[in-house]
């Protein structure tokens, strides 16, 4: 498996054309990364439809949780995968079947076989990235949270004593 390098223009194009995201592995637990990512992406204007068989039928941030991608009744632009790499294969098959345009695997998620299958079916594929982070990075928002801005640091401040 080689390195995953994506041109900013490629990521930017996906994020600009995407309107509806199906988030597979969305959690109802407010402290899970998928919950925070879903809330952020909704705030940026995306419709995010949560997919999680364990929470199917529940309300999550104003959207009904679906058990599978096949249950979504609207056109899906991006399938965002918050599942372990070994579970991506069947998700890629469903993404192809519903006509999604992008298969996006979250940080730490990489499945080259599923990526090749999705790509051969005409989907754009992104692995080991987070659309929330990429959106913020490409729109100059990371410094708002103090990331790489010098505002927030784990280092102890130097105390200068004058007498």
N, C-alpha and C. Protein backbone atom coordinates (compact mmCIF):
# COMPACT_ATOMS: atom_id res chain seq x y z
N UNK A 1 0.85 -1.18 0.00
CA UNK A 1 0.00 0.00 0.00
C UNK A 1 0.89 1.24 0.00
N UNK A 2 0.70 2.06 -0.99
CA UNK A 2 1.49 3.27 -1.12
C UNK A 2 0.89 4.41 -0.31
N UNK A 3 1.58 5.53 -0.32
CA UNK A 3 1.07 6.71 0.41
C UNK A 3 -0.21 7.25 -0.24
N UNK A 4 -0.98 7.92 0.56
CA UNK A 4 -2.24 8.50 0.08
C UNK A 4 -2.07 10.01 -0.06
N UNK A 5 -1.82 10.43 -1.27
CA UNK A 5 -1.67 11.86 -1.55
C UNK A 5 -2.83 12.31 -2.43
N UNK A 6 -3.54 13.31 -1.97
CA UNK A 6 -4.67 13.85 -2.72
C UNK A 6 -4.41 15.32 -2.99
N UNK A 7 -4.64 15.74 -4.21
CA UNK A 7 -4.52 17.15 -4.56
C UNK A 7 -5.63 17.93 -3.87
N UNK A 8 -5.32 19.12 -3.41
CA UNK A 8 -6.33 19.96 -2.78
C UNK A 8 -7.51 20.19 -3.72
N UNK A 9 -7.24 20.35 -5.00
CA UNK A 9 -8.32 20.60 -5.98
C UNK A 9 -9.28 19.41 -6.04
N UNK A 10 -8.77 18.20 -5.91
CA UNK A 10 -9.60 16.99 -5.93
C UNK A 10 -10.53 16.98 -4.71
N UNK A 11 -9.97 17.22 -3.52
CA UNK A 11 -10.76 17.24 -2.29
C UNK A 11 -11.77 18.39 -2.34
N UNK A 12 -11.31 19.56 -2.74
CA UNK A 12 -12.17 20.74 -2.81
C UNK A 12 -13.36 20.50 -3.75
N UNK A 13 -13.12 19.87 -4.89
CA UNK A 13 -14.18 19.58 -5.85
C UNK A 13 -15.23 18.64 -5.24
N UNK A 14 -14.78 17.62 -4.55
CA UNK A 14 -15.71 16.70 -3.89
C UNK A 14 -16.57 17.46 -2.87
N UNK A 15 -15.92 18.25 -2.03
CA UNK A 15 -16.66 18.97 -0.98
C UNK A 15 -17.62 20.01 -1.56
N UNK A 16 -17.27 20.61 -2.69
CA UNK A 16 -18.14 21.62 -3.31
C UNK A 16 -19.36 21.00 -3.96
N UNK A 17 -19.19 19.86 -4.61
CA UNK A 17 -20.32 19.27 -5.33
C UNK A 17 -21.23 18.43 -4.43
N UNK A 18 -20.73 18.08 -3.24
CA UNK A 18 -21.50 17.24 -2.32
C UNK A 18 -22.57 18.06 -1.61
N UNK A 19 -23.78 17.52 -1.59
CA UNK A 19 -24.88 18.13 -0.85
C UNK A 19 -25.41 17.17 0.22
N UNK A 20 -25.45 15.85 -0.10
CA UNK A 20 -25.99 14.85 0.82
C UNK A 20 -24.91 13.82 1.14
N UNK A 21 -24.67 13.63 2.43
CA UNK A 21 -23.67 12.68 2.91
C UNK A 21 -24.39 11.60 3.71
N UNK A 22 -24.11 10.34 3.40
CA UNK A 22 -24.57 9.23 4.22
C UNK A 22 -23.39 8.85 5.11
N UNK A 23 -23.55 8.97 6.42
CA UNK A 23 -22.47 8.69 7.36
C UNK A 23 -22.66 7.31 7.96
N UNK A 24 -21.90 6.35 7.46
CA UNK A 24 -22.00 4.97 7.93
C UNK A 24 -21.16 4.82 9.19
N UNK A 25 -21.82 4.41 10.27
CA UNK A 25 -21.14 4.30 11.55
C UNK A 25 -21.37 5.51 12.43
N UNK A 26 -22.34 6.34 12.05
CA UNK A 26 -22.68 7.52 12.87
C UNK A 26 -23.12 7.04 14.25
N UNK A 27 -22.68 7.75 15.26
CA UNK A 27 -22.99 7.36 16.64
C UNK A 27 -23.92 8.36 17.31
N UNK A 28 -24.80 7.84 18.15
CA UNK A 28 -25.68 8.70 18.95
C UNK A 28 -24.96 9.19 20.21
N UNK A 29 -23.77 8.69 20.46
CA UNK A 29 -22.97 9.11 21.61
C UNK A 29 -22.31 10.45 21.28
N UNK A 30 -22.67 11.49 22.02
CA UNK A 30 -22.19 12.85 21.76
C UNK A 30 -20.66 12.99 21.84
N UNK A 31 -19.99 12.01 22.45
CA UNK A 31 -18.55 12.12 22.62
C UNK A 31 -17.76 11.36 21.55
N UNK A 32 -18.46 10.75 20.60
CA UNK A 32 -17.78 10.03 19.52
C UNK A 32 -17.44 10.99 18.38
N UNK A 33 -16.32 10.75 17.70
CA UNK A 33 -15.93 11.63 16.59
C UNK A 33 -17.00 11.75 15.51
N UNK A 34 -17.73 10.67 15.23
CA UNK A 34 -18.74 10.74 14.17
C UNK A 34 -19.86 11.71 14.52
N UNK A 35 -20.21 11.79 15.80
CA UNK A 35 -21.26 12.72 16.23
C UNK A 35 -20.81 14.16 15.97
N UNK A 36 -19.58 14.47 16.38
CA UNK A 36 -19.06 15.82 16.21
C UNK A 36 -18.90 16.16 14.73
N UNK A 37 -18.40 15.20 13.94
CA UNK A 37 -18.24 15.43 12.49
C UNK A 37 -19.59 15.68 11.83
N UNK A 38 -20.60 14.90 12.22
CA UNK A 38 -21.94 15.07 11.64
C UNK A 38 -22.49 16.45 11.96
N UNK A 39 -22.35 16.85 13.21
CA UNK A 39 -22.86 18.16 13.63
C UNK A 39 -22.14 19.29 12.88
N UNK A 40 -20.84 19.19 12.75
CA UNK A 40 -20.06 20.20 12.04
C UNK A 40 -20.48 20.28 10.57
N UNK A 41 -20.57 19.14 9.91
CA UNK A 41 -20.92 19.13 8.49
C UNK A 41 -22.33 19.67 8.26
N UNK A 42 -23.25 19.37 9.17
CA UNK A 42 -24.59 19.95 9.07
C UNK A 42 -24.52 21.47 9.18
N UNK A 43 -23.70 21.96 10.09
CA UNK A 43 -23.57 23.41 10.28
C UNK A 43 -22.98 24.09 9.04
N UNK A 44 -22.27 23.33 8.23
CA UNK A 44 -21.68 23.86 6.99
C UNK A 44 -22.62 23.71 5.80
N UNK A 45 -23.84 23.23 6.03
CA UNK A 45 -24.83 23.19 4.97
C UNK A 45 -25.07 21.84 4.32
N UNK A 46 -24.35 20.82 4.76
CA UNK A 46 -24.57 19.48 4.20
C UNK A 46 -25.74 18.80 4.91
N UNK A 47 -26.48 18.01 4.16
CA UNK A 47 -27.45 17.13 4.79
C UNK A 47 -26.70 15.83 5.08
N UNK A 48 -26.66 15.44 6.33
CA UNK A 48 -25.94 14.24 6.73
C UNK A 48 -26.96 13.23 7.26
N UNK A 49 -27.04 12.09 6.58
CA UNK A 49 -27.98 11.04 6.95
C UNK A 49 -27.20 9.94 7.67
N UNK A 50 -27.50 9.72 8.95
CA UNK A 50 -26.76 8.71 9.71
C UNK A 50 -27.20 7.29 9.36
N UNK A 51 -26.22 6.39 9.27
CA UNK A 51 -26.49 4.98 8.99
C UNK A 51 -25.81 4.15 10.08
N UNK A 52 -26.64 3.44 10.85
CA UNK A 52 -26.13 2.60 11.94
C UNK A 52 -27.23 1.62 12.33
N UNK A 53 -27.08 0.34 12.00
CA UNK A 53 -28.15 -0.64 12.29
C UNK A 53 -28.53 -0.70 13.77
N UNK A 54 -27.58 -0.45 14.67
CA UNK A 54 -27.85 -0.52 16.11
C UNK A 54 -28.74 0.63 16.59
N UNK A 55 -28.77 1.72 15.84
CA UNK A 55 -29.56 2.89 16.24
C UNK A 55 -30.67 3.21 15.25
N UNK A 56 -30.95 2.29 14.33
CA UNK A 56 -31.95 2.53 13.29
C UNK A 56 -33.28 2.97 13.88
N UNK A 57 -33.88 3.99 13.27
CA UNK A 57 -35.17 4.52 13.70
C UNK A 57 -35.06 5.65 14.72
N UNK A 58 -33.91 5.83 15.33
CA UNK A 58 -33.71 6.91 16.29
C UNK A 58 -33.46 8.22 15.56
N UNK A 59 -33.69 9.32 16.27
CA UNK A 59 -33.38 10.64 15.75
C UNK A 59 -31.96 11.00 16.15
N UNK A 60 -31.17 11.45 15.21
CA UNK A 60 -29.82 11.90 15.48
C UNK A 60 -29.62 13.24 14.80
N UNK A 61 -29.52 14.28 15.60
CA UNK A 61 -29.32 15.63 15.09
C UNK A 61 -30.33 16.00 14.01
N UNK A 62 -31.59 15.61 14.23
CA UNK A 62 -32.67 15.97 13.32
C UNK A 62 -32.86 15.04 12.14
N UNK A 63 -32.08 14.01 12.04
CA UNK A 63 -32.20 13.02 10.95
C UNK A 63 -32.50 11.65 11.55
N UNK A 64 -33.35 10.88 10.85
CA UNK A 64 -33.63 9.53 11.29
C UNK A 64 -32.47 8.62 10.89
N UNK A 65 -32.01 7.82 11.84
CA UNK A 65 -30.92 6.89 11.58
C UNK A 65 -31.46 5.74 10.72
N UNK A 66 -30.74 5.40 9.66
CA UNK A 66 -31.11 4.29 8.79
C UNK A 66 -30.25 3.08 9.12
N UNK A 67 -30.77 1.90 8.84
CA UNK A 67 -30.04 0.67 9.10
C UNK A 67 -29.02 0.38 8.00
N UNK A 68 -29.28 0.87 6.79
CA UNK A 68 -28.37 0.62 5.67
C UNK A 68 -28.49 1.74 4.64
N UNK A 69 -27.55 1.80 3.75
CA UNK A 69 -27.59 2.80 2.68
C UNK A 69 -28.81 2.62 1.80
N UNK A 70 -29.23 1.37 1.61
CA UNK A 70 -30.38 1.09 0.73
C UNK A 70 -31.68 1.69 1.25
N UNK A 71 -31.74 2.02 2.53
CA UNK A 71 -32.96 2.61 3.11
C UNK A 71 -33.08 4.11 2.87
N UNK A 72 -32.04 4.72 2.36
CA UNK A 72 -32.07 6.17 2.13
C UNK A 72 -32.83 6.44 0.85
N UNK A 73 -33.85 7.30 0.97
CA UNK A 73 -34.76 7.54 -0.16
C UNK A 73 -34.36 8.72 -1.05
N UNK A 74 -33.28 9.41 -0.72
CA UNK A 74 -32.80 10.52 -1.56
C UNK A 74 -31.45 10.15 -2.16
N UNK A 75 -31.05 10.90 -3.17
CA UNK A 75 -29.77 10.67 -3.82
C UNK A 75 -28.63 11.05 -2.87
N UNK A 76 -27.66 10.18 -2.75
CA UNK A 76 -26.51 10.39 -1.86
C UNK A 76 -25.29 10.74 -2.70
N UNK A 77 -24.64 11.83 -2.34
CA UNK A 77 -23.43 12.24 -3.05
C UNK A 77 -22.18 11.55 -2.49
N UNK A 78 -22.09 11.49 -1.17
CA UNK A 78 -20.90 10.94 -0.52
C UNK A 78 -21.31 9.92 0.54
N UNK A 79 -20.59 8.81 0.58
CA UNK A 79 -20.71 7.85 1.67
C UNK A 79 -19.45 8.01 2.51
N UNK A 80 -19.63 8.49 3.74
CA UNK A 80 -18.53 8.75 4.68
C UNK A 80 -18.49 7.58 5.66
N UNK A 81 -17.37 6.85 5.69
CA UNK A 81 -17.29 5.60 6.44
C UNK A 81 -16.54 5.75 7.75
N UNK A 82 -17.27 5.60 8.86
CA UNK A 82 -16.72 5.56 10.21
C UNK A 82 -16.75 4.11 10.71
N UNK A 83 -16.16 3.21 9.97
CA UNK A 83 -16.09 1.79 10.33
C UNK A 83 -14.66 1.33 10.11
N UNK A 84 -14.30 0.21 10.73
CA UNK A 84 -12.96 -0.34 10.58
C UNK A 84 -12.73 -0.75 9.12
N UNK A 85 -11.48 -0.71 8.72
CA UNK A 85 -11.09 -0.98 7.34
C UNK A 85 -11.65 -2.28 6.80
N UNK A 86 -11.68 -3.32 7.62
CA UNK A 86 -12.14 -4.63 7.14
C UNK A 86 -13.64 -4.66 6.85
N UNK A 87 -14.38 -3.65 7.26
CA UNK A 87 -15.83 -3.60 7.02
C UNK A 87 -16.20 -2.76 5.80
N UNK A 88 -15.23 -2.19 5.12
CA UNK A 88 -15.51 -1.26 4.04
C UNK A 88 -16.02 -1.94 2.77
N UNK A 89 -15.60 -3.17 2.51
CA UNK A 89 -15.98 -3.86 1.27
C UNK A 89 -17.48 -3.84 0.99
N UNK A 90 -18.30 -4.37 1.91
CA UNK A 90 -19.75 -4.36 1.68
C UNK A 90 -20.34 -2.94 1.61
N UNK A 91 -19.73 -2.00 2.33
CA UNK A 91 -20.20 -0.61 2.29
C UNK A 91 -19.93 -0.03 0.90
N UNK A 92 -18.76 -0.35 0.34
CA UNK A 92 -18.44 0.11 -1.02
C UNK A 92 -19.44 -0.47 -2.01
N UNK A 93 -19.80 -1.75 -1.85
CA UNK A 93 -20.78 -2.37 -2.74
C UNK A 93 -22.12 -1.64 -2.67
N UNK A 94 -22.55 -1.29 -1.45
CA UNK A 94 -23.81 -0.56 -1.28
C UNK A 94 -23.71 0.85 -1.87
N UNK A 95 -22.56 1.50 -1.67
CA UNK A 95 -22.36 2.85 -2.21
C UNK A 95 -22.49 2.83 -3.73
N UNK A 96 -21.91 1.82 -4.36
CA UNK A 96 -22.01 1.66 -5.81
C UNK A 96 -23.47 1.43 -6.19
N UNK A 97 -24.14 0.54 -5.45
CA UNK A 97 -25.53 0.18 -5.78
C UNK A 97 -26.48 1.36 -5.69
N UNK A 98 -26.24 2.29 -4.75
CA UNK A 98 -27.17 3.43 -4.61
C UNK A 98 -26.78 4.61 -5.50
N UNK A 99 -25.67 4.49 -6.22
CA UNK A 99 -25.26 5.56 -7.13
C UNK A 99 -24.54 6.72 -6.48
N UNK A 100 -23.88 6.48 -5.36
CA UNK A 100 -23.10 7.55 -4.72
C UNK A 100 -21.98 7.99 -5.65
N UNK A 101 -21.53 9.22 -5.47
CA UNK A 101 -20.46 9.76 -6.31
C UNK A 101 -19.08 9.63 -5.66
N UNK A 102 -19.08 9.53 -4.32
CA UNK A 102 -17.82 9.48 -3.59
C UNK A 102 -17.90 8.45 -2.46
N UNK A 103 -16.83 7.69 -2.31
CA UNK A 103 -16.64 6.83 -1.14
C UNK A 103 -15.50 7.44 -0.35
N UNK A 104 -15.79 7.89 0.87
CA UNK A 104 -14.81 8.58 1.70
C UNK A 104 -14.61 7.77 2.98
N UNK A 105 -13.37 7.36 3.22
CA UNK A 105 -13.03 6.60 4.42
C UNK A 105 -12.33 7.51 5.42
N UNK A 106 -12.80 7.45 6.65
CA UNK A 106 -12.32 8.34 7.70
C UNK A 106 -10.86 8.08 8.08
N UNK A 107 -10.34 8.93 8.95
CA UNK A 107 -8.98 8.80 9.45
C UNK A 107 -8.73 7.39 9.98
N UNK A 108 -7.65 6.80 9.55
CA UNK A 108 -7.30 5.45 9.99
C UNK A 108 -8.00 4.34 9.23
N UNK A 109 -8.87 4.69 8.29
CA UNK A 109 -9.61 3.69 7.53
C UNK A 109 -9.05 3.64 6.10
N UNK A 110 -8.58 2.45 5.73
CA UNK A 110 -8.03 2.27 4.40
C UNK A 110 -8.31 0.84 3.95
N UNK A 111 -8.92 0.71 2.78
CA UNK A 111 -9.19 -0.59 2.19
C UNK A 111 -8.97 -0.44 0.68
N UNK A 112 -7.78 -0.82 0.23
CA UNK A 112 -7.40 -0.63 -1.17
C UNK A 112 -8.28 -1.43 -2.12
N UNK A 113 -8.70 -2.62 -1.71
CA UNK A 113 -9.54 -3.45 -2.57
C UNK A 113 -10.91 -2.79 -2.78
N UNK A 114 -11.52 -2.32 -1.70
CA UNK A 114 -12.81 -1.64 -1.80
C UNK A 114 -12.66 -0.35 -2.61
N UNK A 115 -11.54 0.34 -2.41
CA UNK A 115 -11.29 1.58 -3.14
C UNK A 115 -11.18 1.31 -4.65
N UNK A 116 -10.48 0.25 -5.01
CA UNK A 116 -10.33 -0.09 -6.43
C UNK A 116 -11.68 -0.44 -7.05
N UNK A 117 -12.50 -1.18 -6.31
CA UNK A 117 -13.82 -1.56 -6.81
C UNK A 117 -14.69 -0.32 -7.01
N UNK A 118 -14.69 0.58 -6.02
CA UNK A 118 -15.49 1.80 -6.11
C UNK A 118 -14.99 2.70 -7.25
N UNK A 119 -13.68 2.82 -7.36
CA UNK A 119 -13.10 3.64 -8.41
C UNK A 119 -13.44 3.09 -9.80
N UNK A 120 -13.37 1.77 -9.94
CA UNK A 120 -13.72 1.14 -11.22
C UNK A 120 -15.18 1.37 -11.58
N UNK A 121 -16.02 1.56 -10.56
CA UNK A 121 -17.45 1.82 -10.78
C UNK A 121 -17.72 3.30 -11.02
N UNK A 122 -16.67 4.13 -11.00
CA UNK A 122 -16.83 5.55 -11.30
C UNK A 122 -16.92 6.48 -10.10
N UNK A 123 -16.74 5.94 -8.89
CA UNK A 123 -16.78 6.79 -7.69
C UNK A 123 -15.41 7.40 -7.45
N UNK A 124 -15.39 8.62 -6.94
CA UNK A 124 -14.16 9.18 -6.41
C UNK A 124 -13.94 8.54 -5.05
N UNK A 125 -12.69 8.28 -4.70
CA UNK A 125 -12.38 7.60 -3.45
C UNK A 125 -11.34 8.41 -2.68
N UNK A 126 -11.61 8.59 -1.39
CA UNK A 126 -10.68 9.22 -0.47
C UNK A 126 -10.55 8.29 0.73
N UNK A 127 -9.31 8.04 1.15
CA UNK A 127 -9.07 7.18 2.30
C UNK A 127 -8.22 7.90 3.33
N UNK A 128 -8.44 7.54 4.60
CA UNK A 128 -7.63 8.05 5.70
C UNK A 128 -7.66 9.58 5.79
N UNK A 129 -8.83 10.14 5.58
CA UNK A 129 -9.05 11.59 5.70
C UNK A 129 -10.41 11.83 6.34
N UNK A 130 -10.60 13.00 6.89
CA UNK A 130 -11.89 13.38 7.47
C UNK A 130 -12.43 14.58 6.70
N UNK A 131 -13.66 14.49 6.18
CA UNK A 131 -14.20 15.63 5.43
C UNK A 131 -14.34 16.88 6.30
N UNK A 132 -14.59 16.71 7.59
CA UNK A 132 -14.67 17.85 8.50
C UNK A 132 -13.32 18.57 8.57
N UNK A 133 -12.27 17.81 8.75
CA UNK A 133 -10.93 18.40 8.83
C UNK A 133 -10.53 19.01 7.50
N UNK A 134 -10.80 18.30 6.41
CA UNK A 134 -10.45 18.82 5.09
C UNK A 134 -11.22 20.09 4.77
N UNK A 135 -12.51 20.14 5.12
CA UNK A 135 -13.31 21.34 4.90
C UNK A 135 -12.68 22.51 5.65
N UNK A 136 -12.38 22.29 6.92
CA UNK A 136 -11.77 23.35 7.72
C UNK A 136 -10.42 23.78 7.18
N UNK A 137 -9.60 22.82 6.80
CA UNK A 137 -8.27 23.14 6.27
C UNK A 137 -8.36 23.95 4.99
N UNK A 138 -9.24 23.54 4.09
CA UNK A 138 -9.35 24.22 2.80
C UNK A 138 -10.08 25.55 2.87
N UNK A 139 -10.76 25.80 3.97
CA UNK A 139 -11.50 27.05 4.13
C UNK A 139 -10.92 27.94 5.23
N UNK A 140 -9.69 27.65 5.65
CA UNK A 140 -8.99 28.50 6.61
C UNK A 140 -9.60 28.52 7.99
N UNK A 141 -10.29 27.45 8.39
CA UNK A 141 -10.95 27.45 9.68
C UNK A 141 -10.16 26.78 10.80
N UNK A 142 -9.10 26.09 10.49
CA UNK A 142 -8.39 25.36 11.54
C UNK A 142 -7.83 26.29 12.60
N UNK A 143 -7.43 27.47 12.22
CA UNK A 143 -6.88 28.38 13.23
C UNK A 143 -7.93 28.85 14.22
N UNK A 144 -9.22 28.76 13.85
CA UNK A 144 -10.28 29.16 14.79
C UNK A 144 -10.23 28.31 16.04
N UNK A 145 -9.82 27.07 15.92
CA UNK A 145 -9.75 26.18 17.07
C UNK A 145 -8.38 26.20 17.72
N UNK A 146 -7.49 27.05 17.24
CA UNK A 146 -6.16 27.14 17.81
C UNK A 146 -5.18 26.14 17.24
N UNK A 147 -5.58 25.40 16.22
CA UNK A 147 -4.72 24.37 15.65
C UNK A 147 -3.64 25.04 14.81
N UNK A 148 -2.40 24.78 15.16
CA UNK A 148 -1.24 25.29 14.43
C UNK A 148 -1.24 26.81 14.34
N UNK A 149 -1.84 27.46 15.32
CA UNK A 149 -1.90 28.92 15.30
C UNK A 149 -0.99 29.55 16.35
N UNK A 150 -0.49 28.70 17.27
CA UNK A 150 0.32 29.23 18.34
C UNK A 150 -0.51 29.74 19.51
N UNK A 151 -1.82 29.74 19.38
CA UNK A 151 -2.70 30.22 20.45
C UNK A 151 -2.83 29.16 21.54
N UNK A 152 -3.01 27.92 21.12
CA UNK A 152 -3.14 26.82 22.07
C UNK A 152 -1.88 26.00 21.99
N UNK A 153 -1.30 25.68 23.13
CA UNK A 153 -0.07 24.93 23.14
C UNK A 153 -0.04 24.00 24.33
N UNK A 154 0.64 22.88 24.20
CA UNK A 154 0.83 21.95 25.30
C UNK A 154 2.07 22.33 26.10
N UNK A 155 2.83 23.28 25.61
CA UNK A 155 4.06 23.70 26.29
C UNK A 155 3.72 24.68 27.40
N UNK A 156 4.46 24.57 28.47
CA UNK A 156 4.26 25.52 29.57
C UNK A 156 4.80 26.89 29.16
N UNK A 157 4.07 27.93 29.52
CA UNK A 157 4.55 29.26 29.15
C UNK A 157 5.83 29.62 29.93
N UNK A 158 6.69 30.37 29.28
CA UNK A 158 7.90 30.83 29.96
C UNK A 158 7.52 31.98 30.88
N UNK A 159 7.96 31.87 32.10
CA UNK A 159 7.66 32.92 33.07
C UNK A 159 8.90 33.80 33.20
N UNK A 160 8.70 35.04 32.92
CA UNK A 160 9.81 35.99 33.03
C UNK A 160 9.59 36.80 34.30
N UNK A 161 10.53 36.70 35.17
CA UNK A 161 10.43 37.43 36.45
C UNK A 161 11.32 38.66 36.41
N UNK A 162 10.73 39.75 36.78
CA UNK A 162 11.52 40.97 36.86
C UNK A 162 11.48 41.46 38.29
N UNK A 163 12.61 41.96 38.73
CA UNK A 163 12.69 42.45 40.12
C UNK A 163 13.09 43.89 40.12
